[in-house]
Each structure stands twice: as C-alpha cells, then as structure tokens.
mmCIF file of all heavy atoms, coordinates in Angstrom:
data_MODEL
# 
_entry.id   MODEL 
# 
loop_
_atom_site.group_PDB 
_atom_site.id 
_atom_site.type_symbol 
_atom_site.label_atom_id 
_atom_site.label_alt_id 
_atom_site.label_comp_id 
_atom_site.label_asym_id 
_atom_site.label_entity_id 
_atom_site.label_seq_id 
_atom_site.pdbx_PDB_ins_code 
_atom_site.Cartn_x 
_atom_site.Cartn_y 
_atom_site.Cartn_z 
_atom_site.occupancy 
_atom_site.B_iso_or_equiv 
_atom_site.pdbx_formal_charge 
_atom_site.auth_seq_id 
_atom_site.auth_comp_id 
_atom_site.auth_asym_id 
_atom_site.auth_atom_id 
_atom_site.pdbx_PDB_model_num 
ATOM 1   N N   . ILE A 1 1  ? 80.161 62.549 89.201  1.00 0.00 ? 1  ILE A N   1 
ATOM 2   C CA  . ILE A 1 1  ? 80.470 63.889 89.719  1.00 0.00 ? 1  ILE A CA  1 
ATOM 3   C C   . ILE A 1 1  ? 79.637 64.176 90.966  1.00 0.00 ? 1  ILE A C   1 
ATOM 4   O O   . ILE A 1 1  ? 80.148 64.695 91.945  1.00 0.00 ? 1  ILE A O   1 
ATOM 5   C CB  . ILE A 1 1  ? 80.112 65.003 88.656  1.00 0.00 ? 1  ILE A CB  1 
ATOM 6   C CG1 . ILE A 1 1  ? 81.091 64.902 87.503  1.00 0.00 ? 1  ILE A CG1 1 
ATOM 7   C CG2 . ILE A 1 1  ? 80.062 66.357 89.240  1.00 0.00 ? 1  ILE A CG2 1 
ATOM 8   C CD1 . ILE A 1 1  ? 80.791 65.781 86.332  1.00 0.00 ? 1  ILE A CD1 1 
ATOM 9   N N   . ASN A 1 2  ? 78.391 63.688 91.000  1.00 0.00 ? 2  ASN A N   1 
ATOM 10  C CA  . ASN A 1 2  ? 77.545 63.888 92.228  1.00 0.00 ? 2  ASN A CA  1 
ATOM 11  C C   . ASN A 1 2  ? 78.089 63.060 93.378  1.00 0.00 ? 2  ASN A C   1 
ATOM 12  O O   . ASN A 1 2  ? 78.030 63.537 94.479  1.00 0.00 ? 2  ASN A O   1 
ATOM 13  C CB  . ASN A 1 2  ? 76.113 63.502 91.878  1.00 0.00 ? 2  ASN A CB  1 
ATOM 14  C CG  . ASN A 1 2  ? 75.200 63.976 93.013  1.00 0.00 ? 2  ASN A CG  1 
ATOM 15  O OD1 . ASN A 1 2  ? 74.911 63.197 93.901  1.00 0.00 ? 2  ASN A OD1 1 
ATOM 16  N ND2 . ASN A 1 2  ? 74.765 65.210 92.912  1.00 0.00 ? 2  ASN A ND2 1 
ATOM 17  N N   . ILE A 1 3  ? 78.589 61.872 93.152  1.00 0.00 ? 3  ILE A N   1 
ATOM 18  C CA  . ILE A 1 3  ? 79.223 61.072 94.188  1.00 0.00 ? 3  ILE A CA  1 
ATOM 19  C C   . ILE A 1 3  ? 80.352 61.892 94.827  1.00 0.00 ? 3  ILE A C   1 
ATOM 20  O O   . ILE A 1 3  ? 80.450 61.958 96.023  1.00 0.00 ? 3  ILE A O   1 
ATOM 21  C CB  . ILE A 1 3  ? 79.653 59.719 93.685  1.00 0.00 ? 3  ILE A CB  1 
ATOM 22  C CG1 . ILE A 1 3  ? 78.538 58.833 93.282  1.00 0.00 ? 3  ILE A CG1 1 
ATOM 23  C CG2 . ILE A 1 3  ? 80.612 59.028 94.696  1.00 0.00 ? 3  ILE A CG2 1 
ATOM 24  C CD1 . ILE A 1 3  ? 77.857 58.129 94.434  1.00 0.00 ? 3  ILE A CD1 1 
ATOM 25  N N   . LEU A 1 4  ? 81.203 62.429 93.962  1.00 0.00 ? 4  LEU A N   1 
ATOM 26  C CA  . LEU A 1 4  ? 82.347 63.180 94.416  1.00 0.00 ? 4  LEU A CA  1 
ATOM 27  C C   . LEU A 1 4  ? 81.907 64.438 95.203  1.00 0.00 ? 4  LEU A C   1 
ATOM 28  O O   . LEU A 1 4  ? 82.422 64.686 96.320  1.00 0.00 ? 4  LEU A O   1 
ATOM 29  C CB  . LEU A 1 4  ? 83.226 63.629 93.269  1.00 0.00 ? 4  LEU A CB  1 
ATOM 30  C CG  . LEU A 1 4  ? 84.449 64.420 93.605  1.00 0.00 ? 4  LEU A CG  1 
ATOM 31  C CD1 . LEU A 1 4  ? 85.437 63.623 94.489  1.00 0.00 ? 4  LEU A CD1 1 
ATOM 32  C CD2 . LEU A 1 4  ? 85.133 64.916 92.363  1.00 0.00 ? 4  LEU A CD2 1 
ATOM 33  N N   . LEU A 1 5  ? 80.947 65.184 94.681  1.00 0.00 ? 5  LEU A N   1 
ATOM 34  C CA  . LEU A 1 5  ? 80.457 66.395 95.368  1.00 0.00 ? 5  LEU A CA  1 
ATOM 35  C C   . LEU A 1 5  ? 79.790 66.037 96.718  1.00 0.00 ? 5  LEU A C   1 
ATOM 36  O O   . LEU A 1 5  ? 79.949 66.759 97.675  1.00 0.00 ? 5  LEU A O   1 
ATOM 37  C CB  . LEU A 1 5  ? 79.432 67.129 94.495  1.00 0.00 ? 5  LEU A CB  1 
ATOM 38  C CG  . LEU A 1 5  ? 80.098 67.855 93.312  1.00 0.00 ? 5  LEU A CG  1 
ATOM 39  C CD1 . LEU A 1 5  ? 78.992 68.361 92.375  1.00 0.00 ? 5  LEU A CD1 1 
ATOM 40  C CD2 . LEU A 1 5  ? 80.953 69.016 93.741  1.00 0.00 ? 5  LEU A CD2 1 
ATOM 41  N N   . THR A 1 6  ? 79.072 64.927 96.771  1.00 0.00 ? 6  THR A N   1 
ATOM 42  C CA  . THR A 1 6  ? 78.421 64.502 98.022  1.00 0.00 ? 6  THR A CA  1 
ATOM 43  C C   . THR A 1 6  ? 79.468 64.076 99.025  1.00 0.00 ? 6  THR A C   1 
ATOM 44  O O   . THR A 1 6  ? 79.288 64.358 100.266 1.00 0.00 ? 6  THR A O   1 
ATOM 45  C CB  . THR A 1 6  ? 77.405 63.384 97.758  1.00 0.00 ? 6  THR A CB  1 
ATOM 46  O OG1 . THR A 1 6  ? 76.457 63.812 96.762  1.00 0.00 ? 6  THR A OG1 1 
ATOM 47  C CG2 . THR A 1 6  ? 76.682 62.997 99.024  1.00 0.00 ? 6  THR A CG2 1 
ATOM 48  N N   . LEU A 1 7  ? 80.522 63.453 98.583  1.00 0.00 ? 7  LEU A N   1 
ATOM 49  C CA  . LEU A 1 7  ? 81.627 63.059 99.549  1.00 0.00 ? 7  LEU A CA  1 
ATOM 50  C C   . LEU A 1 7  ? 82.344 64.318 100.093 1.00 0.00 ? 7  LEU A C   1 
ATOM 51  O O   . LEU A 1 7  ? 82.781 64.340 101.203 1.00 0.00 ? 7  LEU A O   1 
ATOM 52  C CB  . LEU A 1 7  ? 82.609 62.159 98.873  1.00 0.00 ? 7  LEU A CB  1 
ATOM 53  C CG  . LEU A 1 7  ? 82.114 60.731 98.611  1.00 0.00 ? 7  LEU A CG  1 
ATOM 54  C CD1 . LEU A 1 7  ? 83.118 59.936 97.802  1.00 0.00 ? 7  LEU A CD1 1 
ATOM 55  C CD2 . LEU A 1 7  ? 81.766 60.042 99.897  1.00 0.00 ? 7  LEU A CD2 1 
ATOM 56  N N   . LEU A 1 8  ? 82.451 65.357 99.236  1.00 0.00 ? 8  LEU A N   1 
ATOM 57  C CA  . LEU A 1 8  ? 83.090 66.612 99.662  1.00 0.00 ? 8  LEU A CA  1 
ATOM 58  C C   . LEU A 1 8  ? 82.194 67.418 100.622 1.00 0.00 ? 8  LEU A C   1 
ATOM 59  O O   . LEU A 1 8  ? 82.691 68.253 101.351 1.00 0.00 ? 8  LEU A O   1 
ATOM 60  C CB  . LEU A 1 8  ? 83.535 67.461 98.470  1.00 0.00 ? 8  LEU A CB  1 
ATOM 61  C CG  . LEU A 1 8  ? 84.635 66.825 97.637  1.00 0.00 ? 8  LEU A CG  1 
ATOM 62  C CD1 . LEU A 1 8  ? 84.834 67.644 96.369  1.00 0.00 ? 8  LEU A CD1 1 
ATOM 63  C CD2 . LEU A 1 8  ? 85.931 66.670 98.404  1.00 0.00 ? 8  LEU A CD2 1 
ATOM 64  N N   . GLY A 1 9  ? 80.891 67.218 100.479 1.00 0.00 ? 9  GLY A N   1 
ATOM 65  C CA  . GLY A 1 9  ? 79.927 67.960 101.315 1.00 0.00 ? 9  GLY A CA  1 
ATOM 66  C C   . GLY A 1 9  ? 78.543 67.684 100.798 1.00 0.00 ? 9  GLY A C   1 
ATOM 67  O O   . GLY A 1 9  ? 78.276 67.587 99.603  1.00 0.00 ? 9  GLY A O   1 
ATOM 68  N N   . TYR A 1 10 ? 77.626 67.557 101.735 1.00 0.00 ? 10 TYR A N   1 
ATOM 69  C CA  . TYR A 1 10 ? 76.228 67.241 101.407 1.00 0.00 ? 10 TYR A CA  1 
ATOM 70  C C   . TYR A 1 10 ? 75.583 68.298 100.515 1.00 0.00 ? 10 TYR A C   1 
ATOM 71  O O   . TYR A 1 10 ? 74.919 67.981 99.524  1.00 0.00 ? 10 TYR A O   1 
ATOM 72  C CB  . TYR A 1 10 ? 75.433 67.039 102.668 1.00 0.00 ? 10 TYR A CB  1 
ATOM 73  C CG  . TYR A 1 10 ? 73.992 66.798 102.463 1.00 0.00 ? 10 TYR A CG  1 
ATOM 74  C CD1 . TYR A 1 10 ? 73.515 65.589 101.994 1.00 0.00 ? 10 TYR A CD1 1 
ATOM 75  C CD2 . TYR A 1 10 ? 73.043 67.827 102.684 1.00 0.00 ? 10 TYR A CD2 1 
ATOM 76  C CE1 . TYR A 1 10 ? 72.153 65.374 101.777 1.00 0.00 ? 10 TYR A CE1 1 
ATOM 77  C CE2 . TYR A 1 10 ? 71.715 67.614 102.509 1.00 0.00 ? 10 TYR A CE2 1 
ATOM 78  C CZ  . TYR A 1 10 ? 71.270 66.383 102.026 1.00 0.00 ? 10 TYR A CZ  1 
ATOM 79  O OH  . TYR A 1 10 ? 69.947 66.187 101.867 1.00 0.00 ? 10 TYR A OH  1 
ATOM 80  N N   . ILE A 1 11 ? 75.818 69.546 100.852 1.00 0.00 ? 11 ILE A N   1 
ATOM 81  C CA  . ILE A 1 11 ? 75.153 70.653 100.147 1.00 0.00 ? 11 ILE A CA  1 
ATOM 82  C C   . ILE A 1 11 ? 75.555 70.753 98.673  1.00 0.00 ? 11 ILE A C   1 
ATOM 83  O O   . ILE A 1 11 ? 74.679 70.896 97.821  1.00 0.00 ? 11 ILE A O   1 
ATOM 84  C CB  . ILE A 1 11 ? 75.381 72.013 100.869 1.00 0.00 ? 11 ILE A CB  1 
ATOM 85  C CG1 . ILE A 1 11 ? 74.792 71.944 102.319 1.00 0.00 ? 11 ILE A CG1 1 
ATOM 86  C CG2 . ILE A 1 11 ? 74.795 73.184 100.130 1.00 0.00 ? 11 ILE A CG2 1 
ATOM 87  C CD1 . ILE A 1 11 ? 73.321 71.702 102.361 1.00 0.00 ? 11 ILE A CD1 1 
ATOM 88  N N   . PRO A 1 12 ? 76.859 70.677 98.333  1.00 0.00 ? 12 PRO A N   1 
ATOM 89  C CA  . PRO A 1 12 ? 77.203 70.672 96.929  1.00 0.00 ? 12 PRO A CA  1 
ATOM 90  C C   . PRO A 1 12 ? 76.578 69.507 96.133  1.00 0.00 ? 12 PRO A C   1 
ATOM 91  O O   . PRO A 1 12 ? 76.113 69.670 95.022  1.00 0.00 ? 12 PRO A O   1 
ATOM 92  C CB  . PRO A 1 12 ? 78.746 70.578 96.914  1.00 0.00 ? 12 PRO A CB  1 
ATOM 93  C CG  . PRO A 1 12 ? 79.167 71.096 98.235  1.00 0.00 ? 12 PRO A CG  1 
ATOM 94  C CD  . PRO A 1 12 ? 78.067 70.688 99.160  1.00 0.00 ? 12 PRO A CD  1 
ATOM 95  N N   . GLY A 1 13 ? 76.529 68.357 96.758  1.00 0.00 ? 13 GLY A N   1 
ATOM 96  C CA  . GLY A 1 13 ? 75.893 67.211 96.075  1.00 0.00 ? 13 GLY A CA  1 
ATOM 97  C C   . GLY A 1 13 ? 74.404 67.433 95.893  1.00 0.00 ? 13 GLY A C   1 
ATOM 98  O O   . GLY A 1 13 ? 73.824 67.045 94.904  1.00 0.00 ? 13 GLY A O   1 
ATOM 99  N N   . LEU A 1 14 ? 73.763 68.018 96.902  1.00 0.00 ? 14 LEU A N   1 
ATOM 100 C CA  . LEU A 1 14 ? 72.324 68.293 96.781  1.00 0.00 ? 14 LEU A CA  1 
ATOM 101 C C   . LEU A 1 14 ? 72.016 69.276 95.710  1.00 0.00 ? 14 LEU A C   1 
ATOM 102 O O   . LEU A 1 14 ? 71.111 69.121 94.897  1.00 0.00 ? 14 LEU A O   1 
ATOM 103 C CB  . LEU A 1 14 ? 71.822 68.758 98.170  1.00 0.00 ? 14 LEU A CB  1 
ATOM 104 C CG  . LEU A 1 14 ? 70.357 69.133 98.273  1.00 0.00 ? 14 LEU A CG  1 
ATOM 105 C CD1 . LEU A 1 14 ? 69.455 67.923 97.921  1.00 0.00 ? 14 LEU A CD1 1 
ATOM 106 C CD2 . LEU A 1 14 ? 70.011 69.730 99.580  1.00 0.00 ? 14 LEU A CD2 1 
ATOM 107 N N   . ILE A 1 15 ? 72.780 70.348 95.691  1.00 0.00 ? 15 ILE A N   1 
ATOM 108 C CA  . ILE A 1 15 ? 72.582 71.414 94.649  1.00 0.00 ? 15 ILE A CA  1 
ATOM 109 C C   . ILE A 1 15 ? 72.751 70.828 93.242  1.00 0.00 ? 15 ILE A C   1 
ATOM 110 O O   . ILE A 1 15 ? 71.978 71.063 92.347  1.00 0.00 ? 15 ILE A O   1 
ATOM 111 C CB  . ILE A 1 15 ? 73.525 72.617 94.875  1.00 0.00 ? 15 ILE A CB  1 
ATOM 112 C CG1 . ILE A 1 15 ? 73.126 73.335 96.178  1.00 0.00 ? 15 ILE A CG1 1 
ATOM 113 C CG2 . ILE A 1 15 ? 73.535 73.571 93.705  1.00 0.00 ? 15 ILE A CG2 1 
ATOM 114 C CD1 . ILE A 1 15 ? 74.121 74.360 96.603  1.00 0.00 ? 15 ILE A CD1 1 
ATOM 115 N N   . HIS A 1 16 ? 73.819 70.051 93.085  1.00 0.00 ? 16 HIS A N   1 
ATOM 116 C CA  . HIS A 1 16 ? 74.093 69.404 91.770  1.00 0.00 ? 16 HIS A CA  1 
ATOM 117 C C   . HIS A 1 16 ? 72.929 68.475 91.385  1.00 0.00 ? 16 HIS A C   1 
ATOM 118 O O   . HIS A 1 16 ? 72.489 68.472 90.261  1.00 0.00 ? 16 HIS A O   1 
ATOM 119 C CB  . HIS A 1 16 ? 75.431 68.678 91.811  1.00 0.00 ? 16 HIS A CB  1 
ATOM 120 C CG  . HIS A 1 16 ? 75.746 68.002 90.533  1.00 0.00 ? 16 HIS A CG  1 
ATOM 121 N ND1 . HIS A 1 16 ? 75.620 66.661 90.354  1.00 0.00 ? 16 HIS A ND1 1 
ATOM 122 C CD2 . HIS A 1 16 ? 76.228 68.508 89.374  1.00 0.00 ? 16 HIS A CD2 1 
ATOM 123 C CE1 . HIS A 1 16 ? 76.021 66.345 89.142  1.00 0.00 ? 16 HIS A CE1 1 
ATOM 124 N NE2 . HIS A 1 16 ? 76.402 67.456 88.512  1.00 0.00 ? 16 HIS A NE2 1 
ATOM 125 N N   . ALA A 1 17 ? 72.485 67.697 92.344  1.00 0.00 ? 17 ALA A N   1 
ATOM 126 C CA  . ALA A 1 17 ? 71.417 66.734 92.073  1.00 0.00 ? 17 ALA A CA  1 
ATOM 127 C C   . ALA A 1 17 ? 70.118 67.447 91.655  1.00 0.00 ? 17 ALA A C   1 
ATOM 128 O O   . ALA A 1 17 ? 69.516 67.057 90.661  1.00 0.00 ? 17 ALA A O   1 
ATOM 129 C CB  . ALA A 1 17 ? 71.147 65.853 93.341  1.00 0.00 ? 17 ALA A CB  1 
ATOM 130 N N   . ILE A 1 18 ? 69.778 68.490 92.334  1.00 0.00 ? 18 ILE A N   1 
ATOM 131 C CA  . ILE A 1 18 ? 68.538 69.241 91.985  1.00 0.00 ? 18 ILE A CA  1 
ATOM 132 C C   . ILE A 1 18 ? 68.711 69.896 90.648  1.00 0.00 ? 18 ILE A C   1 
ATOM 133 O O   . ILE A 1 18 ? 67.777 69.945 89.830  1.00 0.00 ? 18 ILE A O   1 
ATOM 134 C CB  . ILE A 1 18 ? 68.137 70.157 93.107  1.00 0.00 ? 18 ILE A CB  1 
ATOM 135 C CG1 . ILE A 1 18 ? 67.736 69.363 94.324  1.00 0.00 ? 18 ILE A CG1 1 
ATOM 136 C CG2 . ILE A 1 18 ? 67.045 71.149 92.638  1.00 0.00 ? 18 ILE A CG2 1 
ATOM 137 C CD1 . ILE A 1 18 ? 67.216 70.066 95.495  1.00 0.00 ? 18 ILE A CD1 1 
ATOM 138 N N   . TRP A 1 19 ? 69.890 70.420 90.369  1.00 0.00 ? 19 TRP A N   1 
ATOM 139 C CA  . TRP A 1 19 ? 70.160 71.024 89.070  1.00 0.00 ? 19 TRP A CA  1 
ATOM 140 C C   . TRP A 1 19 ? 69.996 69.996 87.929  1.00 0.00 ? 19 TRP A C   1 
ATOM 141 O O   . TRP A 1 19 ? 69.360 70.277 86.898  1.00 0.00 ? 19 TRP A O   1 
ATOM 142 C CB  . TRP A 1 19 ? 71.549 71.631 89.011  1.00 0.00 ? 19 TRP A CB  1 
ATOM 143 C CG  . TRP A 1 19 ? 71.895 72.211 87.740  1.00 0.00 ? 19 TRP A CG  1 
ATOM 144 C CD1 . TRP A 1 19 ? 71.383 73.330 87.127  1.00 0.00 ? 19 TRP A CD1 1 
ATOM 145 C CD2 . TRP A 1 19 ? 72.853 71.705 86.792  1.00 0.00 ? 19 TRP A CD2 1 
ATOM 146 N NE1 . TRP A 1 19 ? 71.960 73.546 85.878  1.00 0.00 ? 19 TRP A NE1 1 
ATOM 147 C CE2 . TRP A 1 19 ? 72.857 72.566 85.672  1.00 0.00 ? 19 TRP A CE2 1 
ATOM 148 C CE3 . TRP A 1 19 ? 73.714 70.613 86.833  1.00 0.00 ? 19 TRP A CE3 1 
ATOM 149 C CZ2 . TRP A 1 19 ? 73.697 72.342 84.603  1.00 0.00 ? 19 TRP A CZ2 1 
ATOM 150 C CZ3 . TRP A 1 19 ? 74.502 70.404 85.743  1.00 0.00 ? 19 TRP A CZ3 1 
ATOM 151 C CH2 . TRP A 1 19 ? 74.513 71.265 84.633  1.00 0.00 ? 19 TRP A CH2 1 
ATOM 152 N N   . ILE A 1 20 ? 70.572 68.815 88.101  1.00 0.00 ? 20 ILE A N   1 
ATOM 153 C CA  . ILE A 1 20 ? 70.441 67.760 87.068  1.00 0.00 ? 20 ILE A CA  1 
ATOM 154 C C   . ILE A 1 20 ? 68.992 67.354 86.882  1.00 0.00 ? 20 ILE A C   1 
ATOM 155 O O   . ILE A 1 20 ? 68.537 67.156 85.791  1.00 0.00 ? 20 ILE A O   1 
ATOM 156 C CB  . ILE A 1 20 ? 71.302 66.514 87.468  1.00 0.00 ? 20 ILE A CB  1 
ATOM 157 C CG1 . ILE A 1 20 ? 72.791 66.858 87.431  1.00 0.00 ? 20 ILE A CG1 1 
ATOM 158 C CG2 . ILE A 1 20 ? 71.012 65.346 86.616  1.00 0.00 ? 20 ILE A CG2 1 
ATOM 159 C CD1 . ILE A 1 20 ? 73.310 67.215 86.037  1.00 0.00 ? 20 ILE A CD1 1 
ATOM 160 N N   . ILE A 1 21 ? 68.262 67.223 87.963  1.00 0.00 ? 21 ILE A N   1 
ATOM 161 C CA  . ILE A 1 21 ? 66.845 66.769 87.868  1.00 0.00 ? 21 ILE A CA  1 
ATOM 162 C C   . ILE A 1 21 ? 65.958 67.815 87.209  1.00 0.00 ? 21 ILE A C   1 
ATOM 163 O O   . ILE A 1 21 ? 65.110 67.472 86.402  1.00 0.00 ? 21 ILE A O   1 
ATOM 164 C CB  . ILE A 1 21 ? 66.318 66.329 89.233  1.00 0.00 ? 21 ILE A CB  1 
ATOM 165 C CG1 . ILE A 1 21 ? 67.070 65.090 89.705  1.00 0.00 ? 21 ILE A CG1 1 
ATOM 166 C CG2 . ILE A 1 21 ? 64.823 66.103 89.188  1.00 0.00 ? 21 ILE A CG2 1 
ATOM 167 C CD1 . ILE A 1 21 ? 66.879 64.771 91.132  1.00 0.00 ? 21 ILE A CD1 1 
ATOM 168 N N   . THR A 1 22 ? 66.167 69.068 87.522  1.00 0.00 ? 22 THR A N   1 
ATOM 169 C CA  . THR A 1 22 ? 65.276 70.115 87.050  1.00 0.00 ? 22 THR A CA  1 
ATOM 170 C C   . THR A 1 22 ? 65.594 70.617 85.640  1.00 0.00 ? 22 THR A C   1 
ATOM 171 O O   . THR A 1 22 ? 64.700 71.226 85.028  1.00 0.00 ? 22 THR A O   1 
ATOM 172 C CB  . THR A 1 22 ? 65.231 71.279 87.996  1.00 0.00 ? 22 THR A CB  1 
ATOM 173 O OG1 . THR A 1 22 ? 66.525 71.844 88.172  1.00 0.00 ? 22 THR A OG1 1 
ATOM 174 C CG2 . THR A 1 22 ? 64.653 70.888 89.316  1.00 0.00 ? 22 THR A CG2 1 
ATOM 175 N N   . ARG A 1 23 ? 66.784 70.409 85.122  1.00 0.00 ? 23 ARG A N   1 
ATOM 176 C CA  . ARG A 1 23 ? 67.048 70.855 83.799  1.00 0.00 ? 23 ARG A CA  1 
ATOM 177 C C   . ARG A 1 23 ? 66.299 69.945 82.802  1.00 0.00 ? 23 ARG A C   1 
ATOM 178 O O   . ARG A 1 23 ? 66.148 68.768 83.021  1.00 0.00 ? 23 ARG A O   1 
ATOM 179 C CB  . ARG A 1 23 ? 68.531 70.956 83.474  1.00 0.00 ? 23 ARG A CB  1 
ATOM 180 C CG  . ARG A 1 23 ? 69.202 69.584 83.330  1.00 0.00 ? 23 ARG A CG  1 
ATOM 181 C CD  . ARG A 1 23 ? 70.655 69.752 83.068  1.00 0.00 ? 23 ARG A CD  1 
ATOM 182 N NE  . ARG A 1 23 ? 71.138 68.398 82.852  1.00 0.00 ? 23 ARG A NE  1 
ATOM 183 C CZ  . ARG A 1 23 ? 72.159 68.085 82.133  1.00 0.00 ? 23 ARG A CZ  1 
ATOM 184 N NH1 . ARG A 1 23 ? 72.855 69.024 81.561  1.00 0.00 ? 23 ARG A NH1 1 
ATOM 185 N NH2 . ARG A 1 23 ? 72.497 66.824 81.977  1.00 0.00 ? 23 ARG A NH2 1 
ATOM 186 N N   . LYS A 1 24 ? 65.852 70.490 81.710  1.00 0.00 ? 24 LYS A N   1 
ATOM 187 C CA  . LYS A 1 24 ? 64.930 69.813 80.830  1.00 0.00 ? 24 LYS A CA  1 
ATOM 188 C C   . LYS A 1 24 ? 65.604 69.120 79.623  1.00 0.00 ? 24 LYS A C   1 
ATOM 189 O O   . LYS A 1 24 ? 64.951 68.532 78.810  1.00 0.00 ? 24 LYS A O   1 
ATOM 190 C CB  . LYS A 1 24 ? 63.850 70.777 80.327  1.00 0.00 ? 24 LYS A CB  1 
ATOM 191 C CG  . LYS A 1 24 ? 62.993 71.213 81.428  1.00 0.00 ? 24 LYS A CG  1 
ATOM 192 C CD  . LYS A 1 24 ? 62.178 70.029 82.021  1.00 0.00 ? 24 LYS A CD  1 
ATOM 193 C CE  . LYS A 1 24 ? 61.267 70.557 83.132  1.00 0.00 ? 24 LYS A CE  1 
ATOM 194 N NZ  . LYS A 1 24 ? 60.681 69.429 83.833  1.00 0.00 ? 24 LYS A NZ  1 
ATOM 195 N N   . THR A 1 25 ? 66.904 69.222 79.474  1.00 0.00 ? 25 THR A N   1 
ATOM 196 C CA  . THR A 1 25 ? 67.582 68.572 78.324  1.00 0.00 ? 25 THR A CA  1 
ATOM 197 C C   . THR A 1 25 ? 67.895 67.140 78.679  1.00 0.00 ? 25 THR A C   1 
ATOM 198 O O   . THR A 1 25 ? 68.644 66.848 79.597  1.00 0.00 ? 25 THR A O   1 
ATOM 199 C CB  . THR A 1 25 ? 68.864 69.336 77.946  1.00 0.00 ? 25 THR A CB  1 
ATOM 200 O OG1 . THR A 1 25 ? 69.739 69.356 79.053  1.00 0.00 ? 25 THR A OG1 1 
ATOM 201 C CG2 . THR A 1 25 ? 68.561 70.723 77.524  1.00 0.00 ? 25 THR A CG2 1 
ATOM 202 N N   . ASN A 1 26 ? 67.307 66.215 77.991  1.00 0.00 ? 26 ASN A N   1 
ATOM 203 C CA  . ASN A 1 26 ? 67.540 64.765 78.183  1.00 0.00 ? 26 ASN A CA  1 
ATOM 204 C C   . ASN A 1 26 ? 68.154 64.171 76.922  1.00 0.00 ? 26 ASN A C   1 
ATOM 205 O O   . ASN A 1 26 ? 67.785 64.392 75.872  1.00 0.00 ? 26 ASN A O   1 
ATOM 206 C CB  . ASN A 1 26 ? 66.283 64.064 78.579  1.00 0.00 ? 26 ASN A CB  1 
ATOM 207 C CG  . ASN A 1 26 ? 65.930 64.357 80.055  1.00 0.00 ? 26 ASN A CG  1 
ATOM 208 O OD1 . ASN A 1 26 ? 66.802 64.674 80.815  1.00 0.00 ? 26 ASN A OD1 1 
ATOM 209 N ND2 . ASN A 1 26 ? 64.666 64.144 80.324  1.00 0.00 ? 26 ASN A ND2 1 
# 
C-alpha cells in the first residue's frame, strides 16, 4: 500500500509510513 501511495505522491506515502511506524499495535 505504501509503494502505491508513494507512486501516487510522496506526501501520501510519507503520511502512511509515519502512521504505520508510530502506531503501537504489532
């Protein structure tokens, strides 16, 4: 999903990446 969002635009990919990294459920 992040690959797709980054290809569509850098900012959506960046927001998604930071959201994935900062959420605490693993």
